[in-house]
Every structure is written in C-alpha cells, then in structure tokens.
Protein backbone atom coordinates (compact mmCIF):
# COMPACT_ATOMS: atom_id res chain seq x y z
CA UNK A 1 126.98 54.35 79.07
CA UNK A 2 123.63 52.96 77.90
CA UNK A 3 120.50 55.03 78.44
CA UNK A 4 119.00 52.47 80.83
CA UNK A 5 122.12 52.63 82.98
CA UNK A 6 122.02 56.45 82.85
CA UNK A 7 118.49 56.53 84.19
CA UNK A 8 119.34 53.97 86.88
CA UNK A 9 122.27 56.11 87.98
CA UNK A 10 120.13 59.21 88.00
CA UNK A 11 117.39 57.50 90.01
CA UNK A 12 120.01 56.36 92.55
CA UNK A 13 121.31 59.94 92.96
CA UNK A 14 117.80 61.38 93.30
CA UNK A 15 116.81 58.71 95.82
CA UNK A 16 119.83 59.46 97.99
CA UNK A 17 119.11 63.17 97.82
CA UNK A 18 115.46 62.77 98.81
CA UNK A 19 116.41 60.52 101.74
CA UNK A 20 118.65 63.27 103.11
CA UNK A 21 116.54 66.29 102.20
CA UNK A 22 115.23 66.88 105.74
CA UNK A 23 118.40 65.89 107.62
CA UNK A 24 121.60 67.71 108.54
CA UNK A 25 121.44 71.40 107.57
CA UNK A 26 119.34 73.09 104.91
CA UNK A 27 122.41 74.28 102.96
CA UNK A 28 126.17 73.90 102.95
CA UNK A 29 126.58 77.64 102.60
CA UNK A 30 129.65 79.14 100.95
CA UNK A 31 130.33 82.68 99.80
CA UNK A 32 130.18 83.11 95.99
CA UNK A 33 133.95 83.14 95.40
CA UNK A 34 134.55 80.04 97.50
CA UNK A 35 131.60 78.19 95.97
CA UNK A 36 132.81 79.09 92.47
CA UNK A 37 136.20 77.58 93.30
CA UNK A 38 134.59 74.42 94.71
CA UNK A 39 132.38 73.94 91.66
CA UNK A 40 135.20 74.54 89.16
CA UNK A 41 132.70 75.66 86.55
CA UNK A 42 135.35 76.49 83.96
CA UNK A 43 136.89 73.02 84.12
CA UNK A 44 136.68 70.96 80.92
CA UNK A 45 135.90 67.43 82.04
CA UNK A 46 135.43 66.02 78.57
CA UNK A 47 132.51 66.21 76.18
CA UNK A 48 130.28 63.18 76.05
CA UNK A 49 131.56 61.93 79.41
CA UNK A 50 128.59 60.76 81.49
CA UNK A 51 130.72 60.28 84.61
CA UNK A 52 131.74 63.94 84.38
CA UNK A 53 128.12 64.95 83.87
CA UNK A 54 127.00 63.11 87.00
CA UNK A 55 129.81 64.81 88.91
CA UNK A 56 128.20 68.15 87.97
CA UNK A 57 124.81 66.82 89.08
CA UNK A 58 126.17 65.69 92.44
CA UNK A 59 127.94 69.04 92.92
CA UNK A 60 124.69 70.86 92.27
CA UNK A 61 122.82 68.78 94.84
CA UNK A 62 125.61 69.04 97.39
CA UNK A 63 125.42 72.84 97.55
CA UNK A 64 121.78 73.43 96.64
CA UNK A 65 119.34 74.71 99.25
CA UNK A 66 117.18 71.91 100.64
CA UNK A 67 113.83 73.66 100.36
CA UNK A 68 112.11 70.65 101.94
CA UNK A 69 114.23 70.97 105.11
CA UNK A 70 112.30 72.26 108.17
CA UNK A 71 114.91 75.00 108.57
CA UNK A 72 113.73 76.52 105.30
CA UNK A 73 111.04 79.05 106.25
CA UNK A 74 112.18 81.81 103.96
CA UNK A 75 109.82 81.97 101.00
CA UNK A 76 106.20 81.49 100.09
CA UNK A 77 107.15 78.13 98.55
CA UNK A 78 109.07 75.14 99.83
CA UNK A 79 109.77 71.56 98.77
CA UNK A 80 107.40 70.23 96.09
CA UNK A 81 104.66 67.64 96.43
CA UNK A 82 105.79 64.23 95.18
CA UNK A 83 102.91 63.84 92.68
CA UNK A 84 103.92 67.09 90.98
CA UNK A 85 107.59 66.04 91.00
CA UNK A 86 106.56 62.90 89.14
CA UNK A 87 104.64 65.10 86.72
CA UNK A 88 107.70 67.29 86.11
CA UNK A 89 109.86 64.24 85.40
CA UNK A 90 107.35 62.96 82.85
CA UNK A 91 107.12 66.40 81.25
CA UNK A 92 110.91 66.58 80.90
CA UNK A 93 111.02 63.12 79.34
CA UNK A 94 108.24 63.82 76.82
CA UNK A 95 109.56 67.34 76.07
CA UNK A 96 106.76 69.07 74.23
CA UNK A 97 105.06 72.46 74.16
CA UNK A 98 101.52 73.03 75.42
CA UNK A 99 100.78 75.52 72.67
CA UNK A 100 98.82 73.23 70.35
CA UNK A 101 96.59 70.22 70.72
CA UNK A 102 98.49 68.23 68.10
CA UNK A 103 101.78 68.50 70.04
CA UNK A 104 100.24 68.18 73.52
CA UNK A 105 96.85 66.47 73.32
CA UNK A 106 96.71 65.06 76.86
CA UNK A 107 98.03 68.17 78.61
CA UNK A 108 95.61 70.36 76.64
CA UNK A 109 92.64 68.38 77.91
CA UNK A 110 94.09 68.26 81.44
CA UNK A 111 94.57 72.03 81.46
CA UNK A 112 91.05 72.65 80.20
CA UNK A 113 89.70 70.28 82.84
CA UNK A 114 91.61 71.98 85.64
CA UNK A 115 90.64 75.46 84.46
CA UNK A 116 86.96 74.48 84.35
CA UNK A 117 87.33 72.96 87.83
CA UNK A 118 88.87 76.13 89.21
CA UNK A 119 86.33 78.44 87.57
CA UNK A 120 83.55 76.42 89.21
CA UNK A 121 85.35 76.39 92.57
CA UNK A 122 85.90 80.15 92.58
CA UNK A 123 82.34 80.80 91.38
CA UNK A 124 83.20 82.52 88.10
CA UNK A 125 80.38 82.02 85.58
CA UNK A 126 80.76 82.12 81.81
CA UNK A 127 84.47 82.71 82.31
CA UNK A 128 87.81 81.55 80.97
CA UNK A 129 91.32 80.99 82.26
CA UNK A 130 94.88 80.02 81.50
CA UNK A 131 98.03 78.78 83.16
CA UNK A 132 100.74 81.42 83.13
CA UNK A 133 104.40 81.56 84.06
CA UNK A 134 103.54 82.95 87.49
CA UNK A 135 101.48 85.55 89.30
CA UNK A 136 103.62 88.44 88.04
CA UNK A 137 102.66 87.52 84.49
CA UNK A 138 99.06 86.87 85.55
CA UNK A 139 98.76 90.30 87.17
CA UNK A 140 100.05 91.92 84.00
CA UNK A 141 97.60 90.03 81.78
CA UNK A 142 94.75 91.00 84.12
CA UNK A 143 95.81 94.64 83.91
CA UNK A 144 96.04 94.36 80.13
CA UNK A 145 92.52 92.92 79.99
CA UNK A 146 91.31 95.85 82.07
CA UNK A 147 93.14 98.30 79.82
CA UNK A 148 91.66 96.81 76.66
CA UNK A 149 88.20 96.76 78.19
CA UNK A 150 88.40 100.40 79.29
CA UNK A 151 89.38 101.61 75.81
CA UNK A 152 87.89 99.38 73.14
CA UNK A 153 90.25 100.23 70.25
CA UNK A 154 93.46 100.34 72.27
CA UNK A 155 94.67 97.00 70.89
CA UNK A 156 94.93 98.52 67.42
CA UNK A 157 95.57 102.21 68.11
CA UNK A 158 97.65 101.88 71.24
CA UNK A 159 97.83 104.58 73.91
CA UNK A 160 98.18 107.40 71.38
CA UNK A 161 95.63 110.21 71.78
CA UNK A 162 93.84 108.31 74.54
CA UNK A 163 92.73 109.66 77.92
CA UNK A 164 95.23 108.90 80.69
CA UNK A 165 94.66 105.56 82.43
CA UNK A 166 95.12 105.05 86.17
CA UNK A 167 95.43 101.85 88.21
CA UNK A 168 95.08 101.55 91.98
CA UNK A 169 96.66 99.01 94.33
CA UNK A 170 97.38 98.46 98.00
CA UNK A 171 100.51 100.35 99.06
CA UNK A 172 101.94 96.95 100.02
CA UNK A 173 100.96 95.27 96.74
CA UNK A 174 103.48 93.11 94.94
CA UNK A 175 106.06 94.88 92.79
CA UNK A 176 104.74 93.04 89.74
CA UNK A 177 102.05 95.73 89.59
CA UNK A 178 104.72 98.39 89.02
CA UNK A 179 106.29 96.26 86.32
CA UNK A 180 102.94 95.67 84.65
CA UNK A 181 102.26 99.42 84.55
CA UNK A 182 105.66 99.90 82.95
CA UNK A 183 105.34 97.11 80.38
CA UNK A 184 101.80 98.06 79.35
CA UNK A 185 102.64 101.73 78.83
CA UNK A 186 100.44 102.93 81.68
CA UNK A 187 103.44 104.38 83.49
CA UNK A 188 104.33 103.83 87.13
CA UNK A 189 103.28 107.41 87.91
CA UNK A 190 99.76 106.33 86.94
CA UNK A 191 99.83 103.44 89.41
CA UNK A 192 98.42 104.98 92.56
CA UNK A 193 99.28 103.16 95.76
CA UNK A 194 96.58 103.40 98.36
CA UNK A 195 97.48 103.86 102.02
CA UNK A 196 96.54 101.00 104.33
CA UNK A 197 94.63 100.81 107.59
CA UNK A 198 95.89 99.31 110.85
CA UNK A 199 95.34 95.82 109.41
CA UNK A 200 97.38 96.46 106.26
CA UNK A 201 94.28 96.62 104.05
CA UNK A 202 93.56 99.28 101.46
CA UNK A 203 91.88 102.29 103.04
CA UNK A 204 88.74 102.35 100.89
CA UNK A 205 87.85 105.91 101.91
CA UNK A 206 91.23 107.10 100.64
CA UNK A 207 90.79 104.97 97.52
CA UNK A 208 87.49 106.69 96.80
CA UNK A 209 89.16 110.08 97.13
CA UNK A 210 91.83 109.02 94.64
CA UNK A 211 89.27 107.66 92.20
CA UNK A 212 87.32 110.90 92.32
CA UNK A 213 90.50 112.94 91.88
CA UNK A 214 91.54 111.02 88.77
CA UNK A 215 88.09 111.29 87.24
CA UNK A 216 87.90 115.01 87.97
CA UNK A 217 91.21 115.50 86.12
CA UNK A 218 89.92 113.72 83.02
CA UNK A 219 91.66 110.42 83.73
CA UNK A 220 90.16 106.94 83.51
CA UNK A 221 90.33 104.80 86.67
CA UNK A 222 90.44 101.48 84.83
CA UNK A 223 91.92 98.94 87.24
CA UNK A 224 91.85 98.20 90.97
CA UNK A 225 93.71 95.22 92.40
CA UNK A 226 92.77 93.75 95.76
CA UNK A 227 95.64 91.84 97.33
CA UNK A 228 94.67 88.56 98.98
CA UNK A 229 97.65 88.12 101.27
CA UNK A 230 100.24 90.90 101.06
CA UNK A 231 103.81 89.68 100.89
CA UNK A 232 104.99 90.94 104.28
CA UNK A 233 101.93 91.20 106.55
CA UNK A 234 99.64 88.73 104.82
CA UNK A 235 96.77 91.23 104.79
CA UNK A 236 93.60 90.73 102.74
CA UNK A 237 91.97 93.71 101.06
CA UNK A 238 88.20 93.72 101.57
CA UNK A 239 86.38 92.98 98.35
CA UNK A 240 82.85 94.09 99.27
CA UNK A 241 83.53 97.85 99.53
CA UNK A 242 85.53 97.65 96.29
CA UNK A 243 82.51 96.18 94.53
CA UNK A 244 80.45 99.20 95.57
CA UNK A 245 83.13 101.53 94.19
CA UNK A 246 83.25 99.53 90.97
CA UNK A 247 79.55 100.20 90.44
CA UNK A 248 80.24 103.91 90.69
CA UNK A 249 83.49 104.20 88.72
CA UNK A 250 83.34 101.23 86.34
CA UNK A 251 86.87 99.90 86.88
CA UNK A 252 88.05 96.31 86.54
CA UNK A 253 88.42 94.55 89.89
CA UNK A 254 91.28 92.04 90.02
CA UNK A 255 92.16 89.89 93.04
CA UNK A 256 95.83 88.97 93.39
CA UNK A 257 95.64 85.75 95.40
CA UNK A 258 99.13 84.53 94.50
CA UNK A 259 99.86 83.89 98.19
CA UNK A 260 96.63 83.97 100.18
CA UNK A 261 94.26 82.80 97.48
CA UNK A 262 94.81 79.22 98.66
CA UNK A 263 92.09 79.78 101.28
CA UNK A 264 89.48 79.11 98.57
CA UNK A 265 89.88 75.37 99.17
CA UNK A 266 88.56 75.72 102.72
CA UNK A 267 84.95 76.90 102.93
CA UNK A 268 85.56 78.28 106.41
CA UNK A 269 88.70 80.22 105.46
CA UNK A 270 87.17 81.49 102.23
CA UNK A 271 84.23 82.98 104.16
CA UNK A 272 86.69 84.54 106.59
CA UNK A 273 89.26 85.95 104.19
CA UNK A 274 87.72 86.17 100.70
CA UNK A 275 83.99 86.78 100.85
CA UNK A 276 82.51 88.05 97.56
CA UNK A 277 85.43 86.73 95.51
CA UNK A 278 82.92 85.33 93.04
CA UNK A 279 81.95 88.91 92.07
CA UNK A 280 85.46 90.01 91.06
CA UNK A 281 86.47 90.35 87.40
CA UNK A 282 89.65 88.28 87.61
CA UNK A 283 91.64 86.21 90.10
CA UNK A 284 95.08 84.64 90.18
CA UNK A 285 96.49 81.91 92.42
CA UNK A 286 99.90 80.22 92.66
CA UNK A 287 99.63 76.50 93.24
CA UNK A 288 103.39 76.35 93.81
CA UNK A 289 103.22 78.37 97.01
CA UNK A 290 101.07 77.26 99.93
CA UNK A 291 99.70 74.25 98.04
CA UNK A 292 103.15 72.83 97.26
CA UNK A 293 103.01 72.06 93.53
CA UNK A 294 106.44 72.07 91.87
CA UNK A 295 107.54 75.47 90.56
CA UNK A 296 105.99 77.14 88.57
CA UNK A 297 102.25 76.58 88.63
CA UNK A 298 99.89 79.53 88.30
CA UNK A 299 96.31 80.01 87.17
CA UNK A 300 94.59 83.21 85.99
CA UNK A 301 90.80 83.21 85.84
CA UNK A 302 88.33 85.66 84.28
CA UNK A 303 84.71 86.10 85.31
CA UNK A 304 81.89 86.64 82.79
CA UNK A 305 84.36 86.99 79.90
CA UNK A 306 84.50 83.75 77.92
CA UNK A 307 86.54 85.22 75.06
CA UNK A 308 88.70 87.65 77.04
CA UNK A 309 92.02 85.82 76.63
CA UNK A 310 91.62 85.41 72.89
CA UNK A 311 90.79 89.09 72.41
CA UNK A 312 93.60 90.31 74.67
CA UNK A 313 96.48 87.97 73.87
CA UNK A 314 95.88 86.86 70.28
CA UNK A 315 97.36 89.04 67.52
CA UNK A 316 99.11 88.64 64.19
CA UNK A 317 98.93 85.80 61.68
CA UNK A 318 98.82 82.61 63.73
CA UNK A 319 97.57 80.34 60.94
CA UNK A 320 100.86 78.48 60.57
CA UNK A 321 100.54 76.96 64.05
CA UNK A 322 97.12 77.48 65.65
CA UNK A 323 93.95 75.87 64.34
CA UNK A 324 90.37 76.44 65.39
CA UNK A 325 88.22 73.81 67.04
CA UNK A 326 84.68 72.74 66.31
CA UNK A 327 81.79 75.08 67.10
CA UNK A 328 84.16 77.91 67.97
CA UNK A 329 85.88 75.93 70.73
CA UNK A 330 89.51 76.87 71.31
CA UNK A 331 91.60 73.88 70.28
CA UNK A 332 95.10 75.30 70.75
CA UNK A 333 95.75 77.03 74.08
CA UNK A 334 98.73 78.93 72.73
CA UNK A 335 96.41 81.34 70.93
CA UNK A 336 95.19 82.49 74.38
CA UNK A 337 98.69 83.07 75.70
CA UNK A 338 101.30 85.81 75.43
CA UNK A 339 103.85 83.07 74.76
CA UNK A 340 104.24 80.88 71.72
CA UNK A 341 106.00 77.98 73.42
CA UNK A 342 104.26 76.95 76.65
CA UNK A 343 105.70 74.58 79.21
CA UNK A 344 103.45 71.66 80.14
CA UNK A 345 102.50 72.62 83.70
CA UNK A 346 99.06 71.01 83.65
CA UNK A 347 100.27 67.45 84.34
CA UNK A 348 101.82 68.22 87.73
CA UNK A 349 98.79 70.36 88.62
CA UNK A 350 96.40 67.59 87.59
CA UNK A 351 98.32 64.90 89.49
CA UNK A 352 98.42 67.00 92.66
CA UNK A 353 94.70 67.70 92.38
CA UNK A 354 93.81 64.04 91.89
CA UNK A 355 96.10 62.92 94.72
CA UNK A 356 95.16 65.49 97.38
CA UNK A 357 91.78 66.80 96.23
CA UNK A 358 90.05 69.86 97.58
CA UNK A 359 89.76 68.31 101.03
CA UNK A 360 93.48 67.57 101.23
CA UNK A 361 94.43 71.09 100.20
CA UNK A 362 91.90 72.56 102.62
CA UNK A 363 93.38 70.55 105.50
CA UNK A 364 96.88 71.71 104.57
CA UNK A 365 95.97 75.39 104.44
CA UNK A 366 93.94 75.20 107.67
CA UNK A 367 96.87 73.47 109.40
CA UNK A 368 99.31 76.15 108.22
CA UNK A 369 97.04 78.80 109.72
CA UNK A 370 96.92 76.90 113.02
CA UNK A 371 100.72 76.73 113.05
CA UNK A 372 100.96 80.47 112.42
CA UNK A 373 98.64 81.08 115.35
CA UNK A 374 100.79 78.77 117.48
CA UNK A 375 103.95 80.63 116.44
CA UNK A 376 102.37 83.96 117.36
CA UNK A 377 101.34 82.59 120.76
CA UNK A 378 104.86 81.33 121.44
CA UNK A 379 106.47 84.60 120.39
CA UNK A 380 104.09 86.54 122.64
CA UNK A 381 105.03 84.50 125.69
CA UNK A 382 108.80 84.58 125.08
CA UNK A 383 110.32 87.73 126.68
CA UNK A 384 113.20 87.87 124.20
CA UNK A 385 110.84 88.18 121.22
CA UNK A 386 107.98 90.42 120.18
CA UNK A 387 105.37 90.64 117.44
CA UNK A 388 105.96 93.86 115.51
CA UNK A 389 102.33 93.86 114.34
CA UNK A 390 99.51 91.44 115.13
CA UNK A 391 99.22 88.53 112.73
CA UNK A 392 96.63 89.02 109.99
CA UNK A 393 96.74 85.55 108.42
CA UNK A 394 99.67 83.36 107.40
CA UNK A 395 102.57 85.79 107.93
CA UNK A 396 104.23 86.09 111.34
CA UNK A 397 106.11 89.41 111.60
CA UNK A 398 108.29 89.42 114.71
CA UNK A 399 111.76 90.32 115.95
CA UNK A 400 114.29 89.78 118.71
CA UNK A 401 114.16 92.55 121.32
CA UNK A 402 117.64 93.97 121.92
CA UNK A 403 118.20 96.25 124.93
CA UNK A 404 117.95 100.00 124.60
CA UNK A 405 120.84 101.56 122.77
CA UNK A 406 120.99 98.83 120.11
CA UNK A 407 119.13 99.51 116.90
CA UNK A 408 116.52 96.73 116.43
CA UNK A 409 116.65 96.77 112.63
CA UNK A 410 120.40 96.33 112.29
CA UNK A 411 120.48 93.81 115.12
CA UNK A 412 117.77 91.62 113.61
CA UNK A 413 119.33 91.83 110.16
CA UNK A 414 122.60 90.59 111.63
CA UNK A 415 120.73 87.91 113.56
CA UNK A 416 119.04 86.71 110.39
CA UNK A 417 122.36 86.55 108.54
CA UNK A 418 123.99 84.63 111.37
CA UNK A 419 121.08 82.17 111.38
CA UNK A 420 121.70 81.63 107.67
CA UNK A 421 125.49 81.36 107.77
CA UNK A 422 125.43 79.07 110.81
CA UNK A 423 123.01 76.81 108.89
CA UNK A 424 120.36 76.94 111.60
CA UNK A 425 117.49 78.35 109.53
CA UNK A 426 116.70 80.57 106.57
CA UNK A 427 113.99 83.11 107.39
CA UNK A 428 112.91 86.14 105.40
CA UNK A 429 112.74 89.80 106.34
CA UNK A 430 110.53 92.72 105.39
CA UNK A 431 109.43 96.15 106.51
CA UNK A 432 106.20 97.05 108.28
CA UNK A 433 105.60 100.73 109.02
CA UNK A 434 109.30 101.33 108.43
CA UNK A 435 110.32 98.65 110.95
CA UNK A 436 112.38 95.66 109.85
CA UNK A 437 110.77 92.35 110.81
CA UNK A 438 111.66 88.71 110.64
CA UNK A 439 108.96 87.24 108.40
CA UNK A 440 108.15 83.67 109.33
CA UNK A 441 106.24 81.83 106.61
CA UNK A 442 104.98 78.30 107.15
CA UNK A 443 104.45 76.63 103.80
CA UNK A 444 106.61 73.58 104.36
CA UNK A 445 104.90 70.26 105.11
CA UNK A 446 107.89 69.25 107.24
CA UNK A 447 107.30 72.09 109.69
CA UNK A 448 105.07 71.48 112.71
CA UNK A 449 104.97 72.71 116.30
CA UNK A 450 108.26 71.03 117.36
CA UNK A 451 110.06 72.61 114.39
CA UNK A 452 108.58 76.02 115.24
CA UNK A 453 109.79 75.62 118.84
CA UNK A 454 113.29 74.73 117.62
CA UNK A 455 113.31 77.65 115.21
CA UNK A 456 112.31 80.18 117.88
CA UNK A 457 114.82 78.67 120.32
CA UNK A 458 117.52 79.12 117.67
CA UNK A 459 116.50 82.76 117.17
CA UNK A 460 116.83 83.39 120.90
CA UNK A 461 120.11 81.48 121.21
CA UNK A 462 121.77 83.28 118.32
CA UNK A 463 120.31 86.61 119.43
CA UNK A 464 121.85 86.16 122.86
CA UNK A 465 125.19 85.17 121.32
CA UNK A 466 125.10 88.30 119.22
CA UNK A 467 124.27 90.41 122.28
CA UNK A 468 127.17 88.92 124.21
CA UNK A 469 129.50 89.68 121.35
CA UNK A 470 128.28 93.26 121.09
CA UNK A 471 128.49 93.73 124.87
CA UNK A 472 132.02 92.34 124.90
CA UNK A 473 133.12 94.64 122.10
CA UNK A 474 131.51 97.59 123.86
CA UNK A 475 133.32 96.75 127.12
CA UNK A 476 136.64 96.43 125.31
CA UNK A 477 136.09 99.82 123.66
CA UNK A 478 135.27 101.38 127.05
CA UNK A 479 138.45 99.93 128.58
CA UNK A 480 140.58 101.28 125.73
CA UNK A 481 139.11 104.75 126.14
CA UNK A 482 139.68 104.73 129.90
C-alpha cells in the first residue's frame, strides 16, 4: 500500500471516529479478560501487512473511551481542542526532539514565545519557564529549585551533613508532592501536611505553628505549596497570608495551579480565586485540563529568577549536544530540562493560543464555573441527592441519599460502578472529611445544562434501581428467616 493511500485510509478512519465521538455511549465497556479475548493481542496477523495494522487501529478506537462524549465527566481533562489535535498530528509527522534549536528551530521559538506570554500574563518579572511532562514533574522541579535555593551548595554536596529540610502543603494537596519529597531525598516524613479549614484551604494559623516548630528543632522550612484547586473539593489556598509568613521564615512559595490555575485567563476569576499570584516564587498550570489542549501540556514558571532552570536542571558535560546562544541567551531548551529528549508540545499549545486567545479561554473557564453553579443548584433542589460539602469552585461533591440503614459510601460506590458498566456516564469519586463523594467535574466542551440534567437524572434513576434491588433482596432474606 502506497503512503498516500495509507494516509487517506487513516484520515477516513479518524473522520468516522470524530463524527461518532459524542454519539451512542462513551465506552463499549468489557472486563479485562473479555476485552483481551476480543482484541486478540497475541495474534500474528503478518508483518508488513497494512490491512492488519488498520484492524488494530479500528479495534483500539472501538473499545477506547470517548473522552469527548458528554457522559465523560470523570477527570480533569476531556476531549482535546481541534487546533491542538492538528498540532499533535504535525508533531508526529515531523518527529523531532525539542531539546536543541538545530533539531527543532520553529518549536523552540514558539515555546519561548509562549513562555514569555505566560510570564507576562501571570505577572512574573525577570523570570523564566519551561514546558514539562505534567504538573507532577513541575511540582518536583519547583521543590528542587526551593531546595537548591535554601542550601546553596546542595547541588554539589547533596544532602550529606546538611540541616534537615521541611516542606509544607495542604493536607489535600496532590500526591505528586509526596513523590517529589521522596525523589529529592527530602523524605515524606519531612513533608508536613497542614490541616484545612471549613473551605478546604490550608489553616494558616496551624501552618505558622508548624513552621515555628520546625525552626525551633533546627530544621529549615524551605518550601510551601499553595494549591489552586484541590483535586477533590477544588479549594484554593489563600496566597496573601502565605506571603506574610514567607517574609518571616524565608521559604519558597509555589502555587500548584495544575487544575484551578486556568482562572488566570479571566480577570474577574483571577481576582476572586488567585489574588497576589504575581508575588509567588513559582507557578504551574496544565493546559490539557480545563483549557482542553491535547495531553500533555504543562508550563512551569519562575518569578524573579531568570537563570533558575539552568542552575537547577543543568549538570554534567552537555557540550556534545547543547550550544550557547548569543549574549548569554539560552539557545537549546534541553539544557533547562531534566530530560534530554523533549517532546514538541509547543506547537499544539501555540495553535490553541492563537485560535482561542485569552478571551476565548476566559469565556470557557467562566462558563464551566456557571455550569458547576447550575449543577449545585439542581442537586440542592432534588430530594434524592445532596451536596456533601458546599462547592468551592469547579468541583461538585455530591451523593445519592439512601435511606437509613444503608451505608452511603458503599451505596454510592456501587451506584458509580453501575453508571459506568451500564454506559450511562463515567464520574469520579473522592473523599471529603472521610465521606465518599461523587465528584462531578465539568471540563468537557460538549457538556451544558441539558447534559447536566440528563446526568443527574441518570444518577437518580440508577440509584432508585439499586435501592429496589437492595430492598428486594432484603425482603427475600426476611422471608427466608421467617
């Protein structure tokens, strides 16, 4: 088969898939053993056989989750923006690494342009930034920058014979903070998790007590991370009181905006959720979440530290691959990265930015917040449902209310699984104050008020079916005993 015919065939398959991506159900779900049998992964269909290859492609699409489908409300990301999909296709066709200018000249300039644009938007002066593999990696690099700043010679001498370092995060912070503490040699025991207030925000009074305790014991409180949108409740830690504590204790203040950082595109929402962000030391944001850029697309920004990435990430003899620019300008972005090979993520980011612009992203984020408010209002008025905690931002934490005598957590877990297996919707779960909640996230452009109404109606319908089944089983058990 000629290459032109191969691409035509591929385009036909992709077109058919995209036409059906919001129809029918969001997944043709099968249990692992049955799906394995259907896929016949161990079957040898002949090497070099393009017809066999396209059979594998069609099998993948047939059983893949349609993340663009309105029934997909499970994660902080959903189907990708078309401009970024185009960017990903071009990146796959050109197949290069964004580590050096000579192998990726256009993407290097695009990435620098987008980083400068974001630094200006956030309000970071004399700063620097990079695209990373995701917010988990970005959080770790931010913690490493804080570690290296706290102890100047740690890059060469390591943690040996150094005072103990302590980091502080919201008790509901992302687990990437634990992993960063492990990877960087800080130790998870030195990652102190700060209790939250009734809004799910770090209790700054308790944080101050912990900071003072560490300092009194001879430790160094080197890093505090404010979470801008916790994973379950969507809570935003207040930055202003953390700035006052930074003046006193000298720690690095990082803002993890992987989820909720998207509010920076709306002036109104930024004032509401992230005032004083411009005074933080570092900030990370995932474009692939609320903003819809194809996975993965993350940015990490540093404030007032133009050379921070070079000093933190660069080490060893790089002369065989990286070359300096004129007047000290960084020419090859790989020297600022923990990776050698870097995927070209800047093209899809750039295309999304040029297509939607700040205004388009602001409208999207504002609309998502309006839909979350609408969902909360509907849940409040429906007697079968209840909000477990009031909504803080973009996360709607609710549950079906079973009658007394039926454990809510187990019931709602079973309800969620039945929603999934019956192909009605895929919604996430989480725990708030020890209570299991259904976590509704609206980050899908194909979800609007009618889709929310249908989703909540499905929750009630399946919840009632589950109740009837449990009641019937209970009655049968009573009859047998009598």
